[in-house]
C-alpha atoms as a PDB file:
ATOM      1  CA  UNK A   1      17.987 -29.199 142.110  1.00  0.00           C
ATOM      2  CA  UNK A   2      19.032 -30.389 138.668  1.00  0.00           C
ATOM      3  CA  UNK A   3      21.066 -33.575 138.423  1.00  0.00           C
ATOM      4  CA  UNK A   4      24.310 -32.940 136.516  1.00  0.00           C
ATOM      5  CA  UNK A   5      24.351 -36.491 135.151  1.00  0.00           C
ATOM      6  CA  UNK A   6      22.488 -37.445 132.011  1.00  0.00           C
ATOM      7  CA  UNK A   7      21.167 -40.886 131.094  1.00  0.00           C
ATOM      8  CA  UNK A   8      22.881 -43.364 128.819  1.00  0.00           C
ATOM      9  CA  UNK A   9      20.433 -42.847 125.956  1.00  0.00           C
ATOM     10  CA  UNK A  10      20.910 -39.077 126.161  1.00  0.00           C
ATOM     11  CA  UNK A  11      24.702 -39.601 126.325  1.00  0.00           C
ATOM     12  CA  UNK A  12      24.566 -41.642 123.118  1.00  0.00           C
ATOM     13  CA  UNK A  13      22.415 -39.073 121.338  1.00  0.00           C
ATOM     14  CA  UNK A  14      24.402 -36.052 122.524  1.00  0.00           C
ATOM     15  CA  UNK A  15      27.708 -37.885 122.026  1.00  0.00           C
ATOM     16  CA  UNK A  16      26.704 -38.756 118.465  1.00  0.00           C
ATOM     17  CA  UNK A  17      25.750 -35.153 117.766  1.00  0.00           C
ATOM     18  CA  UNK A  18      28.993 -33.847 119.311  1.00  0.00           C
ATOM     19  CA  UNK A  19      31.018 -36.396 117.331  1.00  0.00           C
ATOM     20  CA  UNK A  20      29.206 -35.482 114.116  1.00  0.00           C
ATOM     21  CA  UNK A  21      29.816 -31.758 114.693  1.00  0.00           C
ATOM     22  CA  UNK A  22      33.497 -32.467 115.358  1.00  0.00           C
ATOM     23  CA  UNK A  23      33.647 -34.622 112.222  1.00  0.00           C
ATOM     24  CA  UNK A  24      32.256 -31.739 110.139  1.00  0.00           C
ATOM     25  CA  UNK A  25      34.555 -29.177 111.807  1.00  0.00           C
ATOM     26  CA  UNK A  26      37.694 -31.317 111.482  1.00  0.00           C
ATOM     27  CA  UNK A  27      36.722 -32.537 107.976  1.00  0.00           C
ATOM     28  CA  UNK A  28      37.101 -36.220 108.793  1.00  0.00           C
ATOM     29  CA  UNK A  29      35.036 -39.231 107.793  1.00  0.00           C
ATOM     30  CA  UNK A  30      34.396 -41.463 110.795  1.00  0.00           C
ATOM     31  CA  UNK A  31      30.911 -42.946 110.558  1.00  0.00           C
ATOM     32  CA  UNK A  32      28.055 -42.843 113.052  1.00  0.00           C
ATOM     33  CA  UNK A  33      29.379 -45.361 115.590  1.00  0.00           C
ATOM     34  CA  UNK A  34      32.791 -43.719 115.728  1.00  0.00           C
ATOM     35  CA  UNK A  35      31.098 -40.310 116.084  1.00  0.00           C
ATOM     36  CA  UNK A  36      29.174 -41.580 119.118  1.00  0.00           C
ATOM     37  CA  UNK A  37      32.326 -43.028 120.667  1.00  0.00           C
ATOM     38  CA  UNK A  38      34.338 -39.865 119.942  1.00  0.00           C
ATOM     39  CA  UNK A  39      31.596 -37.666 121.396  1.00  0.00           C
ATOM     40  CA  UNK A  40      31.230 -39.662 124.621  1.00  0.00           C
ATOM     41  CA  UNK A  41      34.939 -40.235 125.238  1.00  0.00           C
ATOM     42  CA  UNK A  42      35.644 -36.686 124.077  1.00  0.00           C
ATOM     43  CA  UNK A  43      33.250 -35.311 126.693  1.00  0.00           C
ATOM     44  CA  UNK A  44      35.077 -37.228 129.421  1.00  0.00           C
ATOM     45  CA  UNK A  45      38.475 -36.018 128.176  1.00  0.00           C
ATOM     46  CA  UNK A  46      37.354 -32.403 127.773  1.00  0.00           C
ATOM     47  CA  UNK A  47      35.617 -32.331 131.173  1.00  0.00           C
ATOM     48  CA  UNK A  48      38.842 -33.593 132.770  1.00  0.00           C
ATOM     49  CA  UNK A  49      41.014 -31.045 130.951  1.00  0.00           C
ATOM     50  CA  UNK A  50      38.610 -28.166 131.585  1.00  0.00           C
ATOM     51  CA  UNK A  51      38.347 -29.225 135.244  1.00  0.00           C
ATOM     52  CA  UNK A  52      42.102 -28.662 135.575  1.00  0.00           C
ATOM     53  CA  UNK A  53      41.401 -24.996 134.767  1.00  0.00           C
ATOM     54  CA  UNK A  54      38.398 -24.787 137.076  1.00  0.00           C
ATOM     55  CA  UNK A  55      35.808 -24.873 134.278  1.00  0.00           C
ATOM     56  CA  UNK A  56      32.864 -27.198 134.905  1.00  0.00           C
ATOM     57  CA  UNK A  57      30.269 -27.855 132.204  1.00  0.00           C
ATOM     58  CA  UNK A  58      26.994 -29.506 133.223  1.00  0.00           C
ATOM     59  CA  UNK A  59      23.727 -30.445 131.610  1.00  0.00           C
ATOM     60  CA  UNK A  60      22.957 -31.276 128.008  1.00  0.00           C
ATOM     61  CA  UNK A  61      24.525 -28.160 126.498  1.00  0.00           C
ATOM     62  CA  UNK A  62      27.664 -28.530 128.612  1.00  0.00           C
ATOM     63  CA  UNK A  63      27.956 -32.185 127.621  1.00  0.00           C
ATOM     64  CA  UNK A  64      27.540 -31.246 123.943  1.00  0.00           C
ATOM     65  CA  UNK A  65      30.217 -28.535 124.173  1.00  0.00           C
ATOM     66  CA  UNK A  66      32.605 -30.800 126.066  1.00  0.00           C
ATOM     67  CA  UNK A  67      31.933 -33.670 123.643  1.00  0.00           C
ATOM     68  CA  UNK A  68      32.645 -31.434 120.664  1.00  0.00           C
ATOM     69  CA  UNK A  69      35.884 -30.085 122.138  1.00  0.00           C
ATOM     70  CA  UNK A  70      37.043 -33.530 123.251  1.00  0.00           C
ATOM     71  CA  UNK A  71      36.144 -35.197 119.949  1.00  0.00           C
ATOM     72  CA  UNK A  72      38.136 -32.524 118.063  1.00  0.00           C
ATOM     73  CA  UNK A  73      41.096 -33.212 120.350  1.00  0.00           C
ATOM     74  CA  UNK A  74      40.804 -36.971 119.800  1.00  0.00           C
ATOM     75  CA  UNK A  75      40.565 -36.559 116.006  1.00  0.00           C
ATOM     76  CA  UNK A  76      43.668 -34.310 116.031  1.00  0.00           C
ATOM     77  CA  UNK A  77      45.589 -36.798 118.197  1.00  0.00           C
ATOM     78  CA  UNK A  78      44.530 -39.659 115.924  1.00  0.00           C
ATOM     79  CA  UNK A  79      45.764 -37.781 112.871  1.00  0.00           C
ATOM     80  CA  UNK A  80      49.090 -37.005 114.564  1.00  0.00           C
ATOM     81  CA  UNK A  81      49.619 -40.653 115.489  1.00  0.00           C
ATOM     82  CA  UNK A  82      48.774 -41.920 111.982  1.00  0.00           C
ATOM     83  CA  UNK A  83      51.411 -39.621 110.435  1.00  0.00           C
END
Protein backbone atom coordinates (compact mmCIF):
# COMPACT_ATOMS: atom_id res chain seq x y z
CA UNK A 1 0.00 0.00 0.00
CA UNK A 2 1.47 3.33 -1.07
CA UNK A 3 1.47 6.16 1.44
CA UNK A 4 -0.27 9.23 -0.01
CA UNK A 5 1.94 11.59 1.99
CA UNK A 6 5.32 12.70 0.73
CA UNK A 7 8.28 13.84 2.83
CA UNK A 8 9.23 17.42 3.53
CA UNK A 9 12.26 17.36 1.24
CA UNK A 10 10.15 15.97 -1.60
CA UNK A 11 7.47 18.60 -0.85
CA UNK A 12 10.07 21.35 -1.18
CA UNK A 13 11.44 19.95 -4.43
CA UNK A 14 8.03 19.27 -5.99
CA UNK A 15 6.62 22.54 -4.62
CA UNK A 16 9.54 24.45 -6.15
CA UNK A 17 9.02 22.74 -9.49
CA UNK A 18 5.25 23.38 -9.39
CA UNK A 19 5.85 27.02 -8.44
CA UNK A 20 8.41 27.43 -11.22
CA UNK A 21 6.03 25.92 -13.79
CA UNK A 22 3.26 28.24 -12.59
CA UNK A 23 5.67 31.19 -12.77
CA UNK A 24 6.48 30.35 -16.40
CA UNK A 25 2.81 29.77 -17.29
CA UNK A 26 1.57 32.95 -15.59
CA UNK A 27 4.58 34.99 -16.80
CA UNK A 28 5.51 36.28 -13.35
CA UNK A 29 8.87 36.79 -11.69
CA UNK A 30 8.83 35.44 -8.15
CA UNK A 31 12.20 33.90 -7.33
CA UNK A 32 13.04 30.41 -6.08
CA UNK A 33 11.88 30.77 -2.47
CA UNK A 34 8.55 32.26 -3.48
CA UNK A 35 8.14 29.49 -6.07
CA UNK A 36 8.61 26.86 -3.35
CA UNK A 37 6.12 28.60 -1.07
CA UNK A 38 3.59 29.06 -3.89
CA UNK A 39 3.94 25.42 -4.93
CA UNK A 40 3.48 24.01 -1.42
CA UNK A 41 0.65 26.33 -0.36
CA UNK A 42 -0.85 26.03 -3.84
CA UNK A 43 -0.98 22.24 -3.50
CA UNK A 44 -2.86 22.57 -0.22
CA UNK A 45 -5.31 25.09 -1.72
CA UNK A 46 -5.86 23.08 -4.90
CA UNK A 47 -6.30 19.79 -3.02
CA UNK A 48 -8.95 21.46 -0.85
CA UNK A 49 -10.77 22.96 -3.83
CA UNK A 50 -10.57 19.77 -5.89
CA UNK A 51 -11.74 17.77 -2.85
CA UNK A 52 -14.95 19.82 -2.87
CA UNK A 53 -15.63 18.32 -6.31
CA UNK A 54 -14.64 14.81 -5.27
CA UNK A 55 -11.27 14.86 -7.05
CA UNK A 56 -8.37 13.49 -5.01
CA UNK A 57 -4.79 13.72 -6.28
CA UNK A 58 -2.13 11.61 -4.56
CA UNK A 59 1.52 10.84 -4.99
CA UNK A 60 4.27 12.91 -6.56
CA UNK A 61 2.48 13.58 -9.85
CA UNK A 62 -0.75 14.51 -8.08
CA UNK A 63 1.13 16.85 -5.76
CA UNK A 64 2.87 18.46 -8.75
CA UNK A 65 -0.43 18.95 -10.60
CA UNK A 66 -2.17 20.31 -7.51
CA UNK A 67 0.81 22.57 -6.73
CA UNK A 68 0.79 23.96 -10.26
CA UNK A 69 -2.96 24.62 -10.24
CA UNK A 70 -2.87 26.15 -6.76
CA UNK A 71 0.19 28.30 -7.49
CA UNK A 72 -1.53 29.67 -10.62
CA UNK A 73 -4.58 30.50 -8.51
CA UNK A 74 -2.43 32.22 -5.87
CA UNK A 75 -0.53 34.24 -8.51
CA UNK A 76 -3.85 35.34 -10.09
CA UNK A 77 -5.27 36.32 -6.68
CA UNK A 78 -2.09 38.22 -5.85
CA UNK A 79 -2.31 40.15 -9.11
CA UNK A 80 -5.97 40.98 -8.49
CA UNK A 81 -5.23 42.29 -5.00
CA UNK A 82 -2.29 44.43 -6.17
CA UNK A 83 -4.49 46.18 -8.76
